[in-house]
PDB file of N, CA and C in Angstrom:
ATOM      1  N   UNK A   1      -5.459  15.403 -18.103  1.00  0.00           N
ATOM      2  CA  UNK A   1      -6.027  14.430 -17.318  1.00  0.00           C
ATOM      3  C   UNK A   1      -7.468  14.161 -17.641  1.00  0.00           C
ATOM      4  N   UNK A   2      -8.253  15.170 -17.755  1.00  0.00           N
ATOM      5  CA  UNK A   2      -9.641  15.091 -18.054  1.00  0.00           C
ATOM      6  C   UNK A   2      -9.822  14.483 -19.394  1.00  0.00           C
ATOM      7  N   UNK A   3      -8.974  14.738 -20.443  1.00  0.00           N
ATOM      8  CA  UNK A   3      -9.166  14.109 -21.630  1.00  0.00           C
ATOM      9  C   UNK A   3      -8.844  12.628 -21.583  1.00  0.00           C
ATOM     10  N   UNK A   4      -7.854  12.355 -20.863  1.00  0.00           N
ATOM     11  CA  UNK A   4      -7.574  10.863 -20.669  1.00  0.00           C
ATOM     12  C   UNK A   4      -8.624  10.162 -19.976  1.00  0.00           C
ATOM     13  N   UNK A   5      -9.277  10.790 -18.975  1.00  0.00           N
ATOM     14  CA  UNK A   5     -10.445  10.093 -18.358  1.00  0.00           C
ATOM     15  C   UNK A   5     -11.648   9.923 -19.308  1.00  0.00           C
ATOM     16  N   UNK A   6     -11.869  11.004 -20.118  1.00  0.00           N
ATOM     17  CA  UNK A   6     -12.999  10.962 -21.068  1.00  0.00           C
ATOM     18  C   UNK A   6     -12.764   9.804 -22.259  1.00  0.00           C
ATOM     19  N   UNK A   7     -11.640   9.492 -22.468  1.00  0.00           N
ATOM     20  CA  UNK A   7     -11.230   8.645 -23.444  1.00  0.00           C
ATOM     21  C   UNK A   7     -10.968   7.178 -23.009  1.00  0.00           C
ATOM     22  N   UNK A   8     -11.181   6.935 -21.603  1.00  0.00           N
ATOM     23  CA  UNK A   8     -11.081   5.776 -20.976  1.00  0.00           C
ATOM     24  C   UNK A   8     -12.441   4.957 -21.025  1.00  0.00           C
ATOM     25  N   UNK A   9     -12.603   3.682 -21.108  1.00  0.00           N
ATOM     26  CA  UNK A   9     -13.772   2.963 -21.286  1.00  0.00           C
ATOM     27  C   UNK A   9     -14.641   3.158 -20.008  1.00  0.00           C
ATOM     28  N   UNK A  10     -13.915   3.073 -18.889  1.00  0.00           N
ATOM     29  CA  UNK A  10     -14.646   3.299 -17.607  1.00  0.00           C
ATOM     30  C   UNK A  10     -14.908   4.755 -17.100  1.00  0.00           C
ATOM     31  N   UNK A  11     -14.428   5.682 -18.091  1.00  0.00           N
ATOM     32  CA  UNK A  11     -14.607   7.224 -17.711  1.00  0.00           C
ATOM     33  C   UNK A  11     -14.136   7.466 -16.409  1.00  0.00           C
ATOM     34  N   UNK A  12     -14.893   7.992 -15.414  1.00  0.00           N
ATOM     35  CA  UNK A  12     -14.418   8.402 -14.059  1.00  0.00           C
ATOM     36  C   UNK A  12     -14.213   7.234 -13.196  1.00  0.00           C
ATOM     37  N   UNK A  13     -14.497   6.041 -13.577  1.00  0.00           N
ATOM     38  CA  UNK A  13     -14.330   4.783 -12.884  1.00  0.00           C
ATOM     39  C   UNK A  13     -12.961   4.235 -13.033  1.00  0.00           C
ATOM     40  N   UNK A  14     -12.061   4.824 -13.986  1.00  0.00           N
ATOM     41  CA  UNK A  14     -10.766   4.548 -14.096  1.00  0.00           C
ATOM     42  C   UNK A  14     -10.009   4.343 -12.639  1.00  0.00           C
ATOM     43  N   UNK A  15      -9.293   3.370 -12.596  1.00  0.00           N
ATOM     44  CA  UNK A  15      -8.571   2.918 -11.270  1.00  0.00           C
ATOM     45  C   UNK A  15      -7.244   3.722 -11.205  1.00  0.00           C
ATOM     46  N   UNK A  16      -6.999   4.610 -10.151  1.00  0.00           N
ATOM     47  CA  UNK A  16      -5.708   5.103  -9.783  1.00  0.00           C
ATOM     48  C   UNK A  16      -5.070   4.213  -8.790  1.00  0.00           C
ATOM     49  N   UNK A  17      -3.755   4.020  -9.107  1.00  0.00           N
ATOM     50  CA  UNK A  17      -2.882   3.307  -8.093  1.00  0.00           C
ATOM     51  C   UNK A  17      -1.739   4.113  -7.669  1.00  0.00           C
ATOM     52  N   UNK A  18      -1.235   3.638  -6.725  1.00  0.00           N
ATOM     53  CA  UNK A  18      -0.097   4.218  -6.035  1.00  0.00           C
ATOM     54  C   UNK A  18       1.200   4.352  -6.755  1.00  0.00           C
ATOM     55  N   UNK A  19       1.448   3.395  -7.596  1.00  0.00           N
ATOM     56  CA  UNK A  19       2.493   3.467  -8.523  1.00  0.00           C
ATOM     57  C   UNK A  19       2.089   3.997  -9.931  1.00  0.00           C
ATOM     58  N   UNK A  20       2.496   4.947 -10.544  1.00  0.00           N
ATOM     59  CA  UNK A  20       2.112   5.554 -11.764  1.00  0.00           C
ATOM     60  C   UNK A  20       2.069   4.608 -12.884  1.00  0.00           C
ATOM     61  N   UNK A  21       3.049   3.615 -13.059  1.00  0.00           N
ATOM     62  CA  UNK A  21       2.962   2.819 -14.106  1.00  0.00           C
ATOM     63  C   UNK A  21       1.922   1.692 -14.117  1.00  0.00           C
ATOM     64  N   UNK A  22       1.252   1.518 -12.851  1.00  0.00           N
ATOM     65  CA  UNK A  22       0.175   0.647 -12.733  1.00  0.00           C
ATOM     66  C   UNK A  22      -1.203   1.255 -12.713  1.00  0.00           C
ATOM     67  N   UNK A  23      -1.311   2.532 -13.066  1.00  0.00           N
ATOM     68  CA  UNK A  23      -2.562   3.102 -13.142  1.00  0.00           C
ATOM     69  C   UNK A  23      -3.355   2.836 -14.485  1.00  0.00           C
ATOM     70  N   UNK A  24      -4.603   2.829 -14.630  1.00  0.00           N
ATOM     71  CA  UNK A  24      -5.430   2.616 -15.852  1.00  0.00           C
ATOM     72  C   UNK A  24      -4.790   3.408 -16.774  1.00  0.00           C
ATOM     73  N   UNK A  25      -4.910   3.098 -18.051  1.00  0.00           N
ATOM     74  CA  UNK A  25      -4.354   3.869 -19.236  1.00  0.00           C
ATOM     75  C   UNK A  25      -5.524   4.061 -20.217  1.00  0.00           C
ATOM     76  N   UNK A  26      -5.495   5.100 -20.906  1.00  0.00           N
ATOM     77  CA  UNK A  26      -6.349   5.450 -22.104  1.00  0.00           C
ATOM     78  C   UNK A  26      -5.280   5.506 -23.343  1.00  0.00           C
ATOM     79  N   UNK A  27      -5.903   5.849 -24.421  1.00  0.00           N
ATOM     80  CA  UNK A  27      -5.116   6.081 -25.597  1.00  0.00           C
ATOM     81  C   UNK A  27      -4.049   7.174 -25.288  1.00  0.00           C
ATOM     82  N   UNK A  28      -4.316   8.140 -24.420  1.00  0.00           N
ATOM     83  CA  UNK A  28      -3.418   9.085 -24.271  1.00  0.00           C
ATOM     84  C   UNK A  28      -2.411   8.916 -23.016  1.00  0.00           C
ATOM     85  N   UNK A  29      -2.349   7.781 -22.415  1.00  0.00           N
ATOM     86  CA  UNK A  29      -1.505   7.453 -21.465  1.00  0.00           C
ATOM     87  C   UNK A  29      -2.009   7.173 -19.989  1.00  0.00           C
ATOM     88  N   UNK A  30      -1.296   7.156 -19.099  1.00  0.00           N
ATOM     89  CA  UNK A  30      -1.878   6.750 -17.732  1.00  0.00           C
ATOM     90  C   UNK A  30      -2.837   7.987 -17.146  1.00  0.00           C
ATOM     91  N   UNK A  31      -3.698   7.370 -16.275  1.00  0.00           N
ATOM     92  CA  UNK A  31      -4.785   8.293 -15.659  1.00  0.00           C
ATOM     93  C   UNK A  31      -4.342   8.286 -14.104  1.00  0.00           C
ATOM     94  N   UNK A  32      -3.623   9.310 -13.731  1.00  0.00           N
ATOM     95  CA  UNK A  32      -3.535   9.207 -12.303  1.00  0.00           C
ATOM     96  C   UNK A  32      -4.470  10.024 -11.527  1.00  0.00           C
ATOM     97  N   UNK A  33      -4.494   9.832 -10.252  1.00  0.00           N
ATOM     98  CA  UNK A  33      -5.506  10.270  -9.328  1.00  0.00           C
ATOM     99  C   UNK A  33      -5.251  11.950  -9.170  1.00  0.00           C
ATOM    100  N   UNK A  34      -3.980  12.417  -9.105  1.00  0.00           N
ATOM    101  CA  UNK A  34      -3.647  13.665  -8.907  1.00  0.00           C
ATOM    102  C   UNK A  34      -2.255  13.953  -9.651  1.00  0.00           C
ATOM    103  N   UNK A  35      -2.129  15.150  -9.985  1.00  0.00           N
ATOM    104  CA  UNK A  35      -0.846  15.675 -10.574  1.00  0.00           C
ATOM    105  C   UNK A  35      -0.377  16.863  -9.586  1.00  0.00           C
ATOM    106  N   UNK A  36       0.831  16.830  -9.087  1.00  0.00           N
ATOM    107  CA  UNK A  36       1.132  17.975  -8.306  1.00  0.00           C
ATOM    108  C   UNK A  36       2.549  18.591  -8.842  1.00  0.00           C
ATOM    109  N   UNK A  37       2.577  19.856  -9.129  1.00  0.00           N
ATOM    110  CA  UNK A  37       3.840  20.396  -9.734  1.00  0.00           C
ATOM    111  C   UNK A  37       4.534  21.114  -8.611  1.00  0.00           C
ATOM    112  N   UNK A  38       5.779  21.311  -8.884  1.00  0.00           N
ATOM    113  CA  UNK A  38       6.719  22.033  -7.914  1.00  0.00           C
ATOM    114  C   UNK A  38       7.521  22.915  -8.727  1.00  0.00           C
ATOM    115  N   UNK A  39       7.259  24.113  -8.621  1.00  0.00           N
ATOM    116  CA  UNK A  39       7.992  25.321  -9.236  1.00  0.00           C
ATOM    117  C   UNK A  39       9.490  25.353  -8.959  1.00  0.00           C
ATOM    118  N   UNK A  40       9.867  25.037  -7.655  1.00  0.00           N
ATOM    119  CA  UNK A  40      11.212  25.255  -7.309  1.00  0.00           C
ATOM    120  C   UNK A  40      12.218  24.439  -8.159  1.00  0.00           C
ATOM    121  N   UNK A  41      11.768  23.358  -8.667  1.00  0.00           N
ATOM    122  CA  UNK A  41      12.664  22.522  -9.503  1.00  0.00           C
ATOM    123  C   UNK A  41      12.053  22.169 -10.876  1.00  0.00           C
ATOM    124  N   UNK A  42      10.804  22.705 -11.191  1.00  0.00           N
ATOM    125  CA  UNK A  42      10.108  22.402 -12.365  1.00  0.00           C
ATOM    126  C   UNK A  42       9.827  20.950 -12.675  1.00  0.00           C
ATOM    127  N   UNK A  43       9.288  20.487 -11.555  1.00  0.00           N
ATOM    128  CA  UNK A  43       8.890  18.868 -11.739  1.00  0.00           C
ATOM    129  C   UNK A  43       7.465  18.717 -11.459  1.00  0.00           C
ATOM    130  N   UNK A  44       7.016  17.529 -11.900  1.00  0.00           N
ATOM    131  CA  UNK A  44       5.580  17.097 -11.705  1.00  0.00           C
ATOM    132  C   UNK A  44       5.660  15.723 -11.120  1.00  0.00           C
ATOM    133  N   UNK A  45       4.702  15.475 -10.063  1.00  0.00           N
ATOM    134  CA  UNK A  45       4.633  14.290  -9.411  1.00  0.00           C
ATOM    135  C   UNK A  45       3.090  13.783  -9.523  1.00  0.00           C
ATOM    136  N   UNK A  46       3.204  12.390  -9.880  1.00  0.00           N
ATOM    137  CA  UNK A  46       1.875  11.763  -9.904  1.00  0.00           C
ATOM    138  C   UNK A  46       1.552  11.270  -8.475  1.00  0.00           C
ATOM    139  N   UNK A  47       0.460  11.624  -7.987  1.00  0.00           N
ATOM    140  CA  UNK A  47       0.095  11.279  -6.457  1.00  0.00           C
ATOM    141  C   UNK A  47      -1.160  10.425  -6.599  1.00  0.00           C
ATOM    142  N   UNK A  48      -1.147   9.645  -5.354  1.00  0.00           N
ATOM    143  CA  UNK A  48      -2.267   8.808  -5.183  1.00  0.00           C
ATOM    144  C   UNK A  48      -2.518   8.863  -3.518  1.00  0.00           C
ATOM    145  N   UNK A  49      -3.845   9.078  -3.309  1.00  0.00           N
ATOM    146  CA  UNK A  49      -4.221   9.163  -1.952  1.00  0.00           C
ATOM    147  C   UNK A  49      -5.519   8.130  -1.544  1.00  0.00           C
ATOM    148  N   UNK A  50      -5.467   8.003  -0.237  1.00  0.00           N
ATOM    149  CA  UNK A  50      -6.566   7.141   0.096  1.00  0.00           C
ATOM    150  C   UNK A  50      -7.837   7.811   0.243  1.00  0.00           C
ATOM    151  N   UNK A  51      -9.125   7.261   0.328  1.00  0.00           N
ATOM    152  CA  UNK A  51     -10.183   7.820   0.363  1.00  0.00           C
ATOM    153  C   UNK A  51     -10.367   8.446   1.699  1.00  0.00           C
ATOM    154  N   UNK A  52     -10.870   9.779   1.766  1.00  0.00           N
ATOM    155  CA  UNK A  52     -11.177  10.705   3.027  1.00  0.00           C
ATOM    156  C   UNK A  52     -12.537  11.176   2.846  1.00  0.00           C
ATOM    157  N   UNK A  53     -13.345  10.667   3.815  1.00  0.00           N
ATOM    158  CA  UNK A  53     -14.807  11.040   3.735  1.00  0.00           C
ATOM    159  C   UNK A  53     -15.041  12.474   4.018  1.00  0.00           C
ATOM    160  N   UNK A  54     -13.951  13.265   4.338  1.00  0.00           N
ATOM    161  CA  UNK A  54     -14.146  14.677   4.580  1.00  0.00           C
ATOM    162  C   UNK A  54     -13.572  15.431   3.497  1.00  0.00           C
ATOM    163  N   UNK A  55     -13.390  14.823   2.255  1.00  0.00           N
ATOM    164  CA  UNK A  55     -12.650  15.632   1.152  1.00  0.00           C
ATOM    165  C   UNK A  55     -13.755  16.619   0.547  1.00  0.00           C
ATOM    166  N   UNK A  56     -13.387  17.960   0.369  1.00  0.00           N
ATOM    167  CA  UNK A  56     -14.249  18.785  -0.021  1.00  0.00           C
ATOM    168  C   UNK A  56     -14.414  18.744  -1.591  1.00  0.00           C
ATOM    169  N   UNK A  57     -13.751  17.737  -2.237  1.00  0.00           N
ATOM    170  CA  UNK A  57     -13.934  17.675  -3.689  1.00  0.00           C
ATOM    171  C   UNK A  57     -14.768  16.398  -4.069  1.00  0.00           C
ATOM    172  N   UNK A  58     -14.729  15.473  -3.157  1.00  0.00           N
ATOM    173  CA  UNK A  58     -15.404  14.127  -3.706  1.00  0.00           C
ATOM    174  C   UNK A  58     -15.983  13.341  -2.632  1.00  0.00           C
ATOM    175  N   UNK A  59     -16.308  13.855  -1.393  1.00  0.00           N
ATOM    176  CA  UNK A  59     -16.912  13.064  -0.354  1.00  0.00           C
ATOM    177  C   UNK A  59     -18.217  12.874  -0.628  1.00  0.00           C
ATOM    178  N   UNK A  60     -18.904  11.848  -0.063  1.00  0.00           N
ATOM    179  CA  UNK A  60     -20.321  11.632  -0.192  1.00  0.00           C
ATOM    180  C   UNK A  60     -21.262  12.943   0.081  1.00  0.00           C
ATOM    181  N   UNK A  61     -20.784  13.573   1.168  1.00  0.00           N
ATOM    182  CA  UNK A  61     -21.609  14.714   1.528  1.00  0.00           C
ATOM    183  C   UNK A  61     -21.635  15.743   0.433  1.00  0.00           C
ATOM    184  N   UNK A  62     -20.437  16.094  -0.126  1.00  0.00           N
ATOM    185  CA  UNK A  62     -20.395  17.007  -1.425  1.00  0.00           C
ATOM    186  C   UNK A  62     -21.254  16.608  -2.467  1.00  0.00           C
ATOM    187  N   UNK A  63     -20.958  15.208  -2.871  1.00  0.00           N
ATOM    188  CA  UNK A  63     -21.697  14.715  -4.025  1.00  0.00           C
ATOM    189  C   UNK A  63     -23.154  14.672  -3.953  1.00  0.00           C
ATOM    190  N   UNK A  64     -23.656  14.313  -2.822  1.00  0.00           N
ATOM    191  CA  UNK A  64     -25.151  14.467  -2.275  1.00  0.00           C
ATOM    192  C   UNK A  64     -25.751  15.942  -2.355  1.00  0.00           C
ATOM    193  N   UNK A  65     -24.994  16.774  -1.819  1.00  0.00           N
ATOM    194  CA  UNK A  65     -25.472  18.079  -1.781  1.00  0.00           C
ATOM    195  C   UNK A  65     -25.574  18.743  -3.237  1.00  0.00           C
ATOM    196  N   UNK A  66     -24.545  18.311  -4.000  1.00  0.00           N
ATOM    197  CA  UNK A  66     -24.480  18.686  -5.424  1.00  0.00           C
ATOM    198  C   UNK A  66     -25.809  18.227  -6.239  1.00  0.00           C
ATOM    199  N   UNK A  67     -25.849  16.895  -5.910  1.00  0.00           N
ATOM    200  CA  UNK A  67     -26.954  16.124  -6.856  1.00  0.00           C
ATOM    201  C   UNK A  67     -28.375  16.654  -6.400  1.00  0.00           C
ATOM    202  N   UNK A  68     -28.645  17.079  -5.052  1.00  0.00           N
ATOM    203  CA  UNK A  68     -29.798  17.461  -4.689  1.00  0.00           C
ATOM    204  C   UNK A  68     -30.218  18.824  -5.245  1.00  0.00           C
ATOM    205  N   UNK A  69     -29.146  19.718  -5.293  1.00  0.00           N
ATOM    206  CA  UNK A  69     -29.571  21.046  -5.868  1.00  0.00           C
ATOM    207  C   UNK A  69     -28.313  21.689  -6.190  1.00  0.00           C
ATOM    208  N   UNK A  70     -27.857  21.393  -7.499  1.00  0.00           N
ATOM    209  CA  UNK A  70     -26.602  22.003  -8.088  1.00  0.00           C
ATOM    210  C   UNK A  70     -26.472  23.506  -7.822  1.00  0.00           C
ATOM    211  N   UNK A  71     -27.490  24.297  -8.353  1.00  0.00           N
ATOM    212  CA  UNK A  71     -27.397  25.804  -8.183  1.00  0.00           C
ATOM    213  C   UNK A  71     -27.178  26.302  -6.839  1.00  0.00           C
ATOM    214  N   UNK A  72     -27.882  25.786  -5.945  1.00  0.00           N
ATOM    215  CA  UNK A  72     -27.791  26.228  -4.407  1.00  0.00           C
ATOM    216  C   UNK A  72     -26.406  25.950  -4.010  1.00  0.00           C
ATOM    217  N   UNK A  73     -26.046  24.628  -4.300  1.00  0.00           N
ATOM    218  CA  UNK A  73     -24.681  24.090  -3.934  1.00  0.00           C
ATOM    219  C   UNK A  73     -23.621  25.103  -4.383  1.00  0.00           C
ATOM    220  N   UNK A  74     -23.620  25.446  -5.724  1.00  0.00           N
ATOM    221  CA  UNK A  74     -22.401  26.215  -6.235  1.00  0.00           C
ATOM    222  C   UNK A  74     -22.612  27.679  -5.566  1.00  0.00           C
ATOM    223  N   UNK A  75     -23.824  28.245  -5.435  1.00  0.00           N
ATOM    224  CA  UNK A  75     -24.008  29.513  -4.810  1.00  0.00           C
ATOM    225  C   UNK A  75     -23.416  29.753  -3.385  1.00  0.00           C
ATOM    226  N   UNK A  76     -23.695  28.592  -2.663  1.00  0.00           N
ATOM    227  CA  UNK A  76     -23.201  28.481  -1.148  1.00  0.00           C
ATOM    228  C   UNK A  76     -21.572  28.412  -1.249  1.00  0.00           C
ATOM    229  N   UNK A  77     -21.265  27.526  -2.059  1.00  0.00           N
ATOM    230  CA  UNK A  77     -19.858  27.221  -2.133  1.00  0.00           C
ATOM    231  C   UNK A  77     -18.951  28.499  -2.577  1.00  0.00           C
ATOM    232  N   UNK A  78     -19.554  29.233  -3.424  1.00  0.00           N
ATOM    233  CA  UNK A  78     -18.905  30.550  -3.808  1.00  0.00           C
ATOM    234  C   UNK A  78     -18.950  31.677  -2.876  1.00  0.00           C
ATOM    235  N   UNK A  79     -20.060  31.672  -2.238  1.00  0.00           N
ATOM    236  CA  UNK A  79     -20.406  32.907  -1.466  1.00  0.00           C
ATOM    237  C   UNK A  79     -19.958  32.605   0.107  1.00  0.00           C
ATOM    238  N   UNK A  80     -19.788  31.508   0.535  1.00  0.00           N
ATOM    239  CA  UNK A  80     -19.546  31.099   1.882  1.00  0.00           C
ATOM    240  C   UNK A  80     -18.223  30.291   2.002  1.00  0.00           C
ATOM    241  N   UNK A  81     -17.046  31.037   2.474  1.00  0.00           N
ATOM    242  CA  UNK A  81     -15.804  30.297   2.322  1.00  0.00           C
ATOM    243  C   UNK A  81     -15.773  29.017   3.172  1.00  0.00           C
ATOM    244  N   UNK A  82     -16.629  29.011   4.307  1.00  0.00           N
ATOM    245  CA  UNK A  82     -16.706  27.852   5.165  1.00  0.00           C
ATOM    246  C   UNK A  82     -17.661  26.779   4.748  1.00  0.00           C
ATOM    247  N   UNK A  83     -18.389  27.017   3.711  1.00  0.00           N
ATOM    248  CA  UNK A  83     -19.619  26.035   3.400  1.00  0.00           C
ATOM    249  C   UNK A  83     -19.024  24.570   3.181  1.00  0.00           C
ATOM    250  N   UNK A  84     -17.937  24.306   2.428  1.00  0.00           N
ATOM    251  CA  UNK A  84     -17.432  22.973   2.201  1.00  0.00           C
ATOM    252  C   UNK A  84     -16.974  22.216   3.316  1.00  0.00           C
ATOM    253  N   UNK A  85     -16.221  23.078   4.103  1.00  0.00           N
ATOM    254  CA  UNK A  85     -15.582  22.488   5.380  1.00  0.00           C
ATOM    255  C   UNK A  85     -16.739  22.188   6.492  1.00  0.00           C
ATOM    256  N   UNK A  86     -17.772  23.127   6.503  1.00  0.00           N
ATOM    257  CA  UNK A  86     -18.898  22.682   7.222  1.00  0.00           C
ATOM    258  C   UNK A  86     -19.631  21.537   6.912  1.00  0.00           C
ATOM    259  N   UNK A  87     -19.811  21.456   5.508  1.00  0.00           N
ATOM    260  CA  UNK A  87     -20.455  20.421   4.894  1.00  0.00           C
ATOM    261  C   UNK A  87     -19.856  18.991   5.160  1.00  0.00           C
ATOM    262  N   UNK A  88     -18.608  18.968   5.088  1.00  0.00           N
ATOM    263  CA  UNK A  88     -17.825  17.731   5.248  1.00  0.00           C
ATOM    264  C   UNK A  88     -17.623  17.308   6.529  1.00  0.00           C
ATOM    265  N   UNK A  89     -17.607  18.109   7.466  1.00  0.00           N
ATOM    266  CA  UNK A  89     -17.197  17.947   8.855  1.00  0.00           C
ATOM    267  C   UNK A  89     -15.808  18.297   9.224  1.00  0.00           C
ATOM    268  N   UNK A  90     -15.006  19.076   8.314  1.00  0.00           N
ATOM    269  CA  UNK A  90     -13.773  19.460   8.629  1.00  0.00           C
ATOM    270  C   UNK A  90     -13.722  20.476   9.664  1.00  0.00           C
ATOM    271  N   UNK A  91     -14.645  21.366   9.731  1.00  0.00           N
ATOM    272  CA  UNK A  91     -14.714  22.384  10.749  1.00  0.00           C
ATOM    273  C   UNK A  91     -14.831  21.669  12.090  1.00  0.00           C
ATOM    274  N   UNK A  92     -15.569  20.679  12.315  1.00  0.00           N
ATOM    275  CA  UNK A  92     -15.621  19.958  13.708  1.00  0.00           C
ATOM    276  C   UNK A  92     -14.238  19.233  13.982  1.00  0.00           C
ATOM    277  N   UNK A  93     -13.734  18.690  12.924  1.00  0.00           N
ATOM    278  CA  UNK A  93     -12.351  18.024  12.911  1.00  0.00           C
ATOM    279  C   UNK A  93     -11.321  19.069  13.444  1.00  0.00           C
ATOM    280  N   UNK A  94     -11.343  20.225  13.026  1.00  0.00           N
ATOM    281  CA  UNK A  94     -10.267  21.153  13.544  1.00  0.00           C
ATOM    282  C   UNK A  94     -10.574  21.802  14.693  1.00  0.00           C
ATOM    283  N   UNK A  95     -11.747  21.624  15.241  1.00  0.00           N
ATOM    284  CA  UNK A  95     -12.136  22.299  16.453  1.00  0.00           C
ATOM    285  C   UNK A  95     -11.260  21.741  17.728  1.00  0.00           C
TER     286      UNK A  95
END
């Protein structure tokens, strides 16, 4: 998936869509938003999700914290298991 994104003209701006056949394509094929595997039947599913402002991978809070201090961000994320959930507000959401 990373190689496909890097070969797309828009790079990480490639558009993911709900139907896999409608996703943007690179020379290597479609560029889905997610790929999920299922070991019980050895299958893979191309997934699409709506934007979630509390995503611990791509929310604006995470991106901002990483851009401001990448080293500090990584140290906190590795050493404190609750750091990303606290940063994004998931901790309060689950309370």
